Amino acid sequence: MAKDEIKKLVENSKKILEQDHVNFTKSIKDDLKSFKKKTLDQI
């Protein structure tokens, strides 16, 4: 593989990982909100 191809693959992987991280973080925050709401509703 040429250096350019490897560089492109690494950049694409980085973008995908960043997007996955954003989605994962959002999911965790949504779960926490939901958990807090359920907990407060029970009190």
PDB file of N, CA and C in Angstrom:
ATOM      1  N   MET A   1       0.836  -1.191   0.000  1.00  0.00           N
ATOM      2  CA  MET A   1       0.000   0.000   0.000  1.00  0.00           C
ATOM      3  C   MET A   1       0.877   1.249   0.000  1.00  0.00           C
ATOM      4  N   ALA A   2       0.422   2.233  -0.698  1.00  0.00           N
ATOM      5  CA  ALA A   2       1.149   3.499  -0.744  1.00  0.00           C
ATOM      6  C   ALA A   2       0.884   4.293   0.529  1.00  0.00           C
ATOM      7  N   LYS A   3       1.819   5.171   0.833  1.00  0.00           N
ATOM      8  CA  LYS A   3       1.659   6.008   2.029  1.00  0.00           C
ATOM      9  C   LYS A   3       0.361   6.796   1.997  1.00  0.00           C
ATOM     10  N   ASP A   4       0.005   7.289   0.823  1.00  0.00           N
ATOM     11  CA  ASP A   4      -1.226   8.080   0.682  1.00  0.00           C
ATOM     12  C   ASP A   4      -2.452   7.259   1.043  1.00  0.00           C
ATOM     13  N   GLU A   5      -2.480   5.996   0.606  1.00  0.00           N
ATOM     14  CA  GLU A   5      -3.615   5.126   0.918  1.00  0.00           C
ATOM     15  C   GLU A   5      -3.723   4.893   2.413  1.00  0.00           C
ATOM     16  N   ILE A   6      -2.607   4.630   3.044  1.00  0.00           N
ATOM     17  CA  ILE A   6      -2.594   4.387   4.493  1.00  0.00           C
ATOM     18  C   ILE A   6      -3.041   5.629   5.228  1.00  0.00           C
ATOM     19  N   LYS A   7      -2.537   6.783   4.794  1.00  0.00           N
ATOM     20  CA  LYS A   7      -2.915   8.052   5.420  1.00  0.00           C
ATOM     21  C   LYS A   7      -4.426   8.275   5.302  1.00  0.00           C
ATOM     22  N   LYS A   8      -4.982   7.977   4.115  1.00  0.00           N
ATOM     23  CA  LYS A   8      -6.414   8.152   3.889  1.00  0.00           C
ATOM     24  C   LYS A   8      -7.213   7.203   4.784  1.00  0.00           C
ATOM     25  N   LEU A   9      -6.768   5.953   4.893  1.00  0.00           N
ATOM     26  CA  LEU A   9      -7.448   4.984   5.750  1.00  0.00           C
ATOM     27  C   LEU A   9      -7.428   5.417   7.212  1.00  0.00           C
ATOM     28  N   VAL A  10      -6.292   5.920   7.662  1.00  0.00           N
ATOM     29  CA  VAL A  10      -6.174   6.375   9.053  1.00  0.00           C
ATOM     30  C   VAL A  10      -7.104   7.562   9.297  1.00  0.00           C
ATOM     31  N   GLU A  11      -7.154   8.493   8.356  1.00  0.00           N
ATOM     32  CA  GLU A  11      -8.030   9.652   8.513  1.00  0.00           C
ATOM     33  C   GLU A  11      -9.494   9.224   8.547  1.00  0.00           C
ATOM     34  N   ASN A  12      -9.863   8.287   7.675  1.00  0.00           N
ATOM     35  CA  ASN A  12     -11.241   7.799   7.666  1.00  0.00           C
ATOM     36  C   ASN A  12     -11.575   7.085   8.971  1.00  0.00           C
ATOM     37  N   SER A  13     -10.652   6.286   9.453  1.00  0.00           N
ATOM     38  CA  SER A  13     -10.870   5.572  10.713  1.00  0.00           C
ATOM     39  C   SER A  13     -11.035   6.567  11.853  1.00  0.00           C
ATOM     40  N   LYS A  14     -10.234   7.618  11.830  1.00  0.00           N
ATOM     41  CA  LYS A  14     -10.318   8.639  12.877  1.00  0.00           C
ATOM     42  C   LYS A  14     -11.693   9.310  12.863  1.00  0.00           C
ATOM     43  N   LYS A  15     -12.187   9.636  11.669  1.00  0.00           N
ATOM     44  CA  LYS A  15     -13.504  10.263  11.554  1.00  0.00           C
ATOM     45  C   LYS A  15     -14.593   9.327  12.080  1.00  0.00           C
ATOM     46  N   ILE A  16     -14.494   8.057  11.709  1.00  0.00           N
ATOM     47  CA  ILE A  16     -15.495   7.075  12.156  1.00  0.00           C
ATOM     48  C   ILE A  16     -15.454   6.934  13.671  1.00  0.00           C
ATOM     49  N   LEU A  17     -14.260   6.846  14.239  1.00  0.00           N
ATOM     50  CA  LEU A  17     -14.125   6.717  15.690  1.00  0.00           C
ATOM     51  C   LEU A  17     -14.671   7.942  16.411  1.00  0.00           C
ATOM     52  N   GLU A  18     -14.393   9.125  15.885  1.00  0.00           N
ATOM     53  CA  GLU A  18     -14.910  10.346  16.506  1.00  0.00           C
ATOM     54  C   GLU A  18     -16.438  10.356  16.471  1.00  0.00           C
ATOM     55  N   GLN A  19     -17.023   9.941  15.347  1.00  0.00           N
ATOM     56  CA  GLN A  19     -18.477   9.911  15.237  1.00  0.00           C
ATOM     57  C   GLN A  19     -19.065   8.879  16.202  1.00  0.00           C
ATOM     58  N   ASP A  20     -18.412   7.714  16.283  1.00  0.00           N
ATOM     59  CA  ASP A  20     -18.870   6.685  17.219  1.00  0.00           C
ATOM     60  C   ASP A  20     -18.796   7.196  18.655  1.00  0.00           C
ATOM     61  N   HIS A  21     -17.741   7.936  18.966  1.00  0.00           N
ATOM     62  CA  HIS A  21     -17.571   8.481  20.309  1.00  0.00           C
ATOM     63  C   HIS A  21     -18.685   9.467  20.634  1.00  0.00           C
ATOM     64  N   VAL A  22     -19.000  10.329  19.663  1.00  0.00           N
ATOM     65  CA  VAL A  22     -20.076  11.313  19.848  1.00  0.00           C
ATOM     66  C   VAL A  22     -21.401  10.596  20.076  1.00  0.00           C
ATOM     67  N   ASN A  23     -21.675   9.584  19.255  1.00  0.00           N
ATOM     68  CA  ASN A  23     -22.929   8.836  19.388  1.00  0.00           C
ATOM     69  C   ASN A  23     -22.993   8.109  20.726  1.00  0.00           C
ATOM     70  N   PHE A  24     -21.873   7.513  21.129  1.00  0.00           N
ATOM     71  CA  PHE A  24     -21.811   6.780  22.393  1.00  0.00           C
ATOM     72  C   PHE A  24     -22.036   7.725  23.569  1.00  0.00           C
ATOM     73  N   THR A  25     -21.370   8.881  23.533  1.00  0.00           N
ATOM     74  CA  THR A  25     -21.520   9.871  24.593  1.00  0.00           C
ATOM     75  C   THR A  25     -22.964  10.342  24.681  1.00  0.00           C
ATOM     76  N   LYS A  26     -23.580  10.606  23.531  1.00  0.00           N
ATOM     77  CA  LYS A  26     -24.973  11.053  23.501  1.00  0.00           C
ATOM     78  C   LYS A  26     -25.892   9.973  24.073  1.00  0.00           C
ATOM     79  N   SER A  27     -25.621   8.745  23.723  1.00  0.00           N
ATOM     80  CA  SER A  27     -26.423   7.625  24.218  1.00  0.00           C
ATOM     81  C   SER A  27     -26.329   7.519  25.737  1.00  0.00           C
ATOM     82  N   ILE A  28     -25.114   7.640  26.267  1.00  0.00           N
ATOM     83  CA  ILE A  28     -24.911   7.563  27.717  1.00  0.00           C
ATOM     84  C   ILE A  28     -25.658   8.715  28.408  1.00  0.00           C
ATOM     85  N   LYS A  29     -25.545   9.921  27.863  1.00  0.00           N
ATOM     86  CA  LYS A  29     -26.225  11.077  28.456  1.00  0.00           C
ATOM     87  C   LYS A  29     -27.740  10.888  28.443  1.00  0.00           C
ATOM     88  N   ASP A  30     -28.261  10.361  27.327  1.00  0.00           N
ATOM     89  CA  ASP A  30     -29.700  10.113  27.235  1.00  0.00           C
ATOM     90  C   ASP A  30     -30.127   9.070  28.266  1.00  0.00           C
ATOM     91  N   ASP A  31     -29.314   8.023  28.425  1.00  0.00           N
ATOM     92  CA  ASP A  31     -29.620   6.987  29.419  1.00  0.00           C
ATOM     93  C   ASP A  31     -29.622   7.568  30.829  1.00  0.00           C
ATOM     94  N   LEU A  32     -28.662   8.435  31.105  1.00  0.00           N
ATOM     95  CA  LEU A  32     -28.597   9.061  32.427  1.00  0.00           C
ATOM     96  C   LEU A  32     -29.817   9.937  32.682  1.00  0.00           C
ATOM     97  N   LYS A  33     -30.218  10.712  31.674  1.00  0.00           N
ATOM     98  CA  LYS A  33     -31.411  11.552  31.817  1.00  0.00           C
ATOM     99  C   LYS A  33     -32.625  10.688  32.112  1.00  0.00           C
ATOM    100  N   SER A  34     -32.749   9.621  31.356  1.00  0.00           N
ATOM    101  CA  SER A  34     -33.882   8.715  31.523  1.00  0.00           C
ATOM    102  C   SER A  34     -33.863   8.107  32.924  1.00  0.00           C
ATOM    103  N   PHE A  35     -32.698   7.685  33.371  1.00  0.00           N
ATOM    104  CA  PHE A  35     -32.563   7.088  34.696  1.00  0.00           C
ATOM    105  C   PHE A  35     -32.919   8.097  35.791  1.00  0.00           C
ATOM    106  N   LYS A  36     -32.421   9.320  35.640  1.00  0.00           N
ATOM    107  CA  LYS A  36     -32.731  10.364  36.617  1.00  0.00           C
ATOM    108  C   LYS A  36     -34.237  10.619  36.677  1.00  0.00           C
ATOM    109  N   LYS A  37     -34.852  10.707  35.492  1.00  0.00           N
ATOM    110  CA  LYS A  37     -36.293  10.971  35.434  1.00  0.00           C
ATOM    111  C   LYS A  37     -37.068   9.838  36.109  1.00  0.00           C
ATOM    112  N   LYS A  38     -36.711   8.607  35.816  1.00  0.00           N
ATOM    113  CA  LYS A  38     -37.402   7.474  36.432  1.00  0.00           C
ATOM    114  C   LYS A  38     -37.221   7.469  37.938  1.00  0.00           C
ATOM    115  N   THR A  39     -36.013   7.780  38.380  1.00  0.00           N
ATOM    116  CA  THR A  39     -35.723   7.817  39.804  1.00  0.00           C
ATOM    117  C   THR A  39     -36.534   8.917  40.500  1.00  0.00           C
ATOM    118  N   LEU A  40     -36.572  10.091  39.887  1.00  0.00           N
ATOM    119  CA  LEU A  40     -37.328  11.205  40.467  1.00  0.00           C
ATOM    120  C   LEU A  40     -38.816  10.906  40.479  1.00  0.00           C
ATOM    121  N   ASP A  41     -39.305  10.236  39.456  1.00  0.00           N
ATOM    122  CA  ASP A  41     -40.721   9.880  39.400  1.00  0.00           C
ATOM    123  C   ASP A  41     -41.091   8.903  40.515  1.00  0.00           C
ATOM    124  N   GLN A  42     -40.145   8.061  40.887  1.00  0.00           N
ATOM    125  CA  GLN A  42     -40.418   7.067  41.947  1.00  0.00           C
ATOM    126  C   GLN A  42     -40.457   7.711  43.330  1.00  0.00           C
ATOM    127  N   ILE A  43     -39.747   8.821  43.477  1.00  0.00           N
ATOM    128  CA  ILE A  43     -39.660   9.462  44.797  1.00  0.00           C
ATOM    129  C   ILE A  43     -40.937  10.216  45.106  1.00  0.00           C
TER     130      ILE A  43
END
